[in-house]
């Protein structure tokens, strides 16, 4: 993952037209050795940007399989799919579009699950608050009644098993 003097990483150099058909083999080797599949160079270019701009579909698939970031923007504001379209690499663009859709769908599903959990917690809290409110009303209602009877000098109402017959 070390950068060269020009800011390029080995994984970026491996995915270039200069390495030709060996790009995929070089990429696989670097990934097996622990190279970061989402590392950026000094221009904000990720390996996915490099593969998309070079039209290396096989390398792009390998990067996606290991979880490389495919929606990052480079220093010019381009994502990998932008570069694939710009350089007319249709297979790369289709692959990136499909993977982006898949990732966004999963993200929305996770957000929906989190929202459901929050709604359930809020509903349980409302039920709990309602029970506390009823208990408080009952307690303070009884207290208010006892104070009212005391202020008027009325006898206390007998309650419970110790009720005295009158």
Protein backbone atom coordinates (compact mmCIF):
# COMPACT_ATOMS: atom_id res chain seq x y z
CA UNK A 1 0.00 0.00 0.00
CA UNK A 2 3.03 2.31 0.01
CA UNK A 3 2.89 5.20 -2.42
CA UNK A 4 5.50 5.98 -5.03
CA UNK A 5 7.05 9.45 -5.33
CA UNK A 6 4.26 10.28 -7.80
CA UNK A 7 1.58 9.11 -5.31
CA UNK A 8 0.64 5.89 -7.11
CA UNK A 9 0.11 2.65 -5.19
CA UNK A 10 1.11 -0.81 -6.50
CA UNK A 11 -2.54 -1.78 -6.88
CA UNK A 12 -3.14 1.23 -9.17
CA UNK A 13 -0.08 0.44 -11.28
CA UNK A 14 -1.16 -3.20 -11.60
CA UNK A 15 -4.48 -2.12 -13.13
CA UNK A 16 -3.16 -0.32 -16.17
CA UNK A 17 -2.93 -0.83 -19.89
CA UNK A 18 0.82 -1.14 -19.50
CA UNK A 19 0.43 -4.43 -17.61
CA UNK A 20 -2.04 -5.63 -20.25
CA UNK A 21 -3.53 -9.07 -19.76
CA UNK A 22 -1.46 -9.59 -16.63
CA UNK A 23 -3.46 -6.90 -14.77
CA UNK A 24 -5.87 -9.38 -13.26
CA UNK A 25 -3.09 -11.73 -12.10
CA UNK A 26 -1.14 -8.82 -10.60
CA UNK A 27 -4.27 -7.54 -8.85
CA UNK A 28 -5.09 -10.96 -7.43
CA UNK A 29 -1.54 -11.30 -6.13
CA UNK A 30 -1.65 -7.87 -4.46
CA UNK A 31 -5.05 -8.55 -2.90
CA UNK A 32 -3.80 -11.91 -1.60
CA UNK A 33 -0.84 -10.08 -0.04
CA UNK A 34 -3.21 -7.72 1.82
CA UNK A 35 -3.36 -4.71 -0.49
CA UNK A 36 -6.16 -2.28 0.35
CA UNK A 37 -8.81 -2.59 -2.39
CA UNK A 38 -10.07 0.95 -1.66
CA UNK A 39 -6.77 2.79 -1.18
CA UNK A 40 -6.65 6.22 -2.82
CA UNK A 41 -3.74 7.92 -4.54
CA UNK A 42 -2.87 11.61 -4.34
CA UNK A 43 -5.60 12.43 -6.89
CA UNK A 44 -8.30 10.58 -4.95
CA UNK A 45 -8.32 7.71 -7.45
CA UNK A 46 -9.29 4.32 -6.07
CA UNK A 47 -8.50 0.99 -7.72
CA UNK A 48 -12.12 0.94 -8.90
CA UNK A 49 -11.55 4.27 -10.67
CA UNK A 50 -8.44 2.82 -12.29
CA UNK A 51 -10.17 -0.37 -13.44
CA UNK A 52 -13.19 1.55 -14.78
CA UNK A 53 -11.10 4.07 -16.71
CA UNK A 54 -8.90 1.30 -18.18
CA UNK A 55 -11.88 -0.94 -19.03
CA UNK A 56 -10.64 -3.89 -16.97
CA UNK A 57 -13.93 -5.68 -16.26
CA UNK A 58 -12.27 -8.70 -14.64
CA UNK A 59 -10.27 -6.48 -12.28
CA UNK A 60 -13.38 -4.49 -11.44
CA UNK A 61 -15.26 -7.71 -10.60
CA UNK A 62 -12.41 -8.81 -8.34
CA UNK A 63 -12.41 -5.46 -6.54
CA UNK A 64 -16.19 -5.60 -6.03
CA UNK A 65 -15.94 -9.16 -4.68
CA UNK A 66 -13.49 -8.07 -1.98
CA UNK A 67 -15.67 -5.09 -0.99
CA UNK A 68 -13.82 -2.21 -2.64
CA UNK A 69 -15.53 1.17 -2.48
CA UNK A 70 -17.10 1.93 -5.84
CA UNK A 71 -18.86 5.23 -5.17
CA UNK A 72 -15.94 7.41 -4.06
CA UNK A 73 -15.22 10.63 -5.93
CA UNK A 74 -11.76 11.56 -7.19
CA UNK A 75 -10.27 15.06 -7.07
CA UNK A 76 -12.32 16.03 -10.15
CA UNK A 77 -15.57 14.76 -8.62
CA UNK A 78 -15.80 11.63 -10.80
CA UNK A 79 -16.94 8.26 -9.53
CA UNK A 80 -15.75 5.03 -11.17
CA UNK A 81 -19.00 4.77 -13.15
CA UNK A 82 -18.46 8.30 -14.47
CA UNK A 83 -15.02 7.30 -15.76
CA UNK A 84 -16.35 4.10 -17.32
CA UNK A 85 -18.96 6.13 -19.20
CA UNK A 86 -16.47 8.83 -20.13
CA UNK A 87 -14.08 6.27 -21.66
CA UNK A 88 -16.95 4.25 -23.24
CA UNK A 89 -16.31 1.10 -21.23
CA UNK A 90 -19.92 -0.10 -21.28
CA UNK A 91 -19.35 -3.44 -19.54
CA UNK A 92 -17.64 -1.66 -16.65
CA UNK A 93 -20.43 0.91 -16.50
CA UNK A 94 -23.12 -1.80 -16.44
CA UNK A 95 -21.27 -3.75 -13.77
CA UNK A 96 -20.87 -0.64 -11.60
CA UNK A 97 -24.50 0.39 -12.10
CA UNK A 98 -25.73 -3.06 -11.06
CA UNK A 99 -23.47 -3.17 -8.01
CA UNK A 100 -24.41 0.38 -6.97
CA UNK A 101 -28.09 -0.54 -7.21
CA UNK A 102 -27.46 -3.67 -5.14
CA UNK A 103 -25.56 -1.76 -2.44
CA UNK A 104 -28.17 1.00 -2.26
CA UNK A 105 -30.94 -1.58 -1.95
CA UNK A 106 -29.13 -3.23 0.96
CA UNK A 107 -28.53 0.17 2.55
CA UNK A 108 -32.22 1.08 2.29
CA UNK A 109 -33.19 -2.30 3.77
CA UNK A 110 -30.85 -1.72 6.74
CA UNK A 111 -32.27 1.77 7.27
CA UNK A 112 -35.83 0.39 7.17
CA UNK A 113 -34.95 -2.25 9.78
CA UNK A 114 -33.42 0.43 12.01
CA UNK A 115 -36.52 2.59 11.55
CA UNK A 116 -38.77 -0.34 12.51
CA UNK A 117 -36.71 -0.93 15.67
CA UNK A 118 -36.95 2.74 16.62
CA UNK A 119 -40.71 2.75 15.98
CA UNK A 120 -41.13 -0.35 18.15
CA UNK A 121 -39.08 1.22 20.94
CA UNK A 122 -41.17 4.40 20.72
CA UNK A 123 -44.41 2.40 20.82
CA UNK A 124 -43.22 0.45 23.88
CA UNK A 125 -42.18 3.70 25.55
CA UNK A 126 -45.61 5.23 24.85
CA UNK A 127 -47.31 2.18 26.37
CA UNK A 128 -45.03 2.35 29.41
CA UNK A 129 -45.59 6.10 29.76
CA UNK A 130 -49.34 5.53 29.48
CA UNK A 131 -49.25 2.95 32.29
CA UNK A 132 -47.25 5.33 34.48
CA UNK A 133 -49.70 8.14 33.68
CA UNK A 134 -52.69 5.97 34.68
CA UNK A 135 -50.97 4.95 37.91
CA UNK A 136 -50.13 8.58 38.67
CA UNK A 137 -53.72 9.68 37.96
CA UNK A 138 -55.08 6.97 40.23
CA UNK A 139 -52.66 7.82 43.03
CA UNK A 140 -53.15 11.58 42.85
CA UNK A 141 -56.91 11.16 42.38
CA UNK A 142 -57.09 9.11 45.59
CA UNK A 143 -54.89 11.66 47.38
CA UNK A 144 -57.07 14.53 46.19
CA UNK A 145 -60.22 12.69 47.36
CA UNK A 146 -58.71 12.04 50.79
CA UNK A 147 -57.72 15.71 51.12
CA UNK A 148 -61.22 16.79 50.03
CA UNK A 149 -62.91 14.56 52.62
CA UNK A 150 -60.47 15.72 55.31
CA UNK A 151 -61.14 19.41 54.50
CA UNK A 152 -64.88 18.86 54.91
CA UNK A 153 -64.54 16.83 58.06
CA UNK A 154 -66.09 13.75 56.54
CA UNK A 155 -65.17 10.33 57.89
CA UNK A 156 -62.58 8.30 56.00
CA UNK A 157 -63.96 5.68 53.70
CA UNK A 158 -63.06 2.23 55.04
CA UNK A 159 -61.26 0.06 52.54
CA UNK A 160 -59.75 -3.39 52.39
CA UNK A 161 -60.39 -6.45 54.65
CA UNK A 162 -60.53 -4.29 57.79
CA UNK A 163 -63.81 -2.68 56.71
CA UNK A 164 -66.00 -2.05 59.68
CA UNK A 165 -69.69 -2.70 59.32
CA UNK A 166 -71.78 0.31 60.10
